[in-house]
Amino acid sequence: MDIIETKKKLHAYIDVINDETQIELLNEAASVYASKQPDIIEQLEPGQLKRLIESVKQADQSKLINNQEVMKRSKQWLTK
């Protein structure tokens, strides 16, 4: 598919999306892309990227701790 066809498809998608949140997200993504800002992932140090990937894996495996539990553990840790 050439660039003209791709642009037509993008315009068609925009025309059929009626959800304000979706339009805002699309606009934000397009704005960042058009401004040629570097992707934040590309700015991470190797150690940061490794920790991020591990966090995503944990979230995918439902190994999460909710905010209430974090606060409880923090309070216990601070009182030791």
Protein backbone atom coordinates (compact mmCIF):
# COMPACT_ATOMS: atom_id res chain seq x y z
CA MET A 1 0.00 0.00 0.00
CA ASP A 2 1.40 3.38 -0.94
CA ILE A 3 1.47 6.45 1.26
CA ILE A 4 -1.58 8.06 -0.39
CA GLU A 5 -3.71 4.98 0.29
CA THR A 6 -2.46 4.82 3.85
CA LYS A 7 -3.37 8.47 4.44
CA LYS A 8 -6.85 7.85 3.00
CA LYS A 9 -7.31 4.96 5.42
CA LEU A 10 -6.21 7.12 8.34
CA HIS A 11 -8.66 9.85 7.35
CA ALA A 12 -11.43 7.25 7.10
CA TYR A 13 -10.62 5.93 10.59
CA ILE A 14 -10.79 9.44 12.00
CA ASP A 15 -14.15 10.03 10.33
CA VAL A 16 -15.75 6.95 11.91
CA ILE A 17 -14.37 7.31 15.44
CA ASN A 18 -16.94 9.06 17.61
CA ASP A 19 -15.46 8.35 21.02
CA GLU A 20 -13.86 11.53 22.38
CA THR A 21 -11.25 9.62 24.40
CA GLN A 22 -10.13 7.63 21.38
CA ILE A 23 -9.85 10.77 19.29
CA GLU A 24 -7.82 12.47 22.04
CA LEU A 25 -5.46 9.48 22.28
CA LEU A 26 -5.02 9.39 18.51
CA ASN A 27 -4.38 13.13 18.44
CA GLU A 28 -1.82 12.86 21.23
CA ALA A 29 0.01 10.01 19.48
CA ALA A 30 0.01 11.86 16.17
CA SER A 31 1.23 15.05 17.84
CA VAL A 32 4.18 13.29 19.50
CA TYR A 33 5.06 11.52 16.27
CA ALA A 34 4.82 14.68 14.19
CA SER A 35 7.04 16.61 16.61
CA LYS A 36 9.68 13.89 16.22
CA GLN A 37 10.16 13.61 19.96
CA PRO A 38 12.25 10.58 20.88
CA ASP A 39 10.37 7.63 22.33
CA ILE A 40 10.86 7.49 26.10
CA ILE A 41 11.76 3.80 25.83
CA GLU A 42 14.74 4.73 23.67
CA GLN A 43 15.97 7.10 26.39
CA LEU A 44 16.12 4.46 29.13
CA GLU A 45 19.40 3.11 30.43
CA PRO A 46 19.84 -0.66 29.93
CA GLY A 47 19.16 -1.35 33.62
CA GLN A 48 15.99 0.74 33.54
CA LEU A 49 14.76 -1.05 30.43
CA LYS A 50 15.45 -4.43 32.04
CA ARG A 51 13.44 -3.46 35.15
CA LEU A 52 10.60 -2.15 32.98
CA ILE A 53 10.44 -5.39 30.99
CA GLU A 54 10.41 -7.39 34.22
CA SER A 55 7.59 -5.22 35.59
CA VAL A 56 5.52 -5.77 32.45
CA LYS A 57 6.08 -9.54 32.74
CA GLN A 58 4.93 -9.45 36.37
CA ALA A 59 1.83 -7.47 35.44
CA ASP A 60 1.05 -9.93 32.62
CA GLN A 61 1.28 -12.74 35.16
CA SER A 62 -1.02 -10.84 37.59
CA LYS A 63 1.82 -10.53 40.10
CA LEU A 64 0.68 -7.10 41.23
CA ILE A 65 0.32 -5.43 44.59
CA ASN A 66 -2.48 -2.90 44.93
CA ASN A 67 -1.94 0.53 46.46
CA GLN A 68 -3.68 -0.41 49.70
CA GLU A 69 -1.25 -3.30 50.26
CA VAL A 70 1.74 -1.10 49.40
CA MET A 71 0.61 1.47 51.97
CA LYS A 72 0.14 -1.26 54.58
CA ARG A 73 3.60 -2.70 53.93
CA SER A 74 5.18 0.76 53.94
CA LYS A 75 3.62 1.56 57.30
CA GLN A 76 4.91 -1.72 58.75
CA TRP A 77 8.38 -1.13 57.29
CA LEU A 78 8.55 2.43 58.64
CA THR A 79 7.63 1.33 62.16
CA LYS A 80 10.50 -1.20 62.40
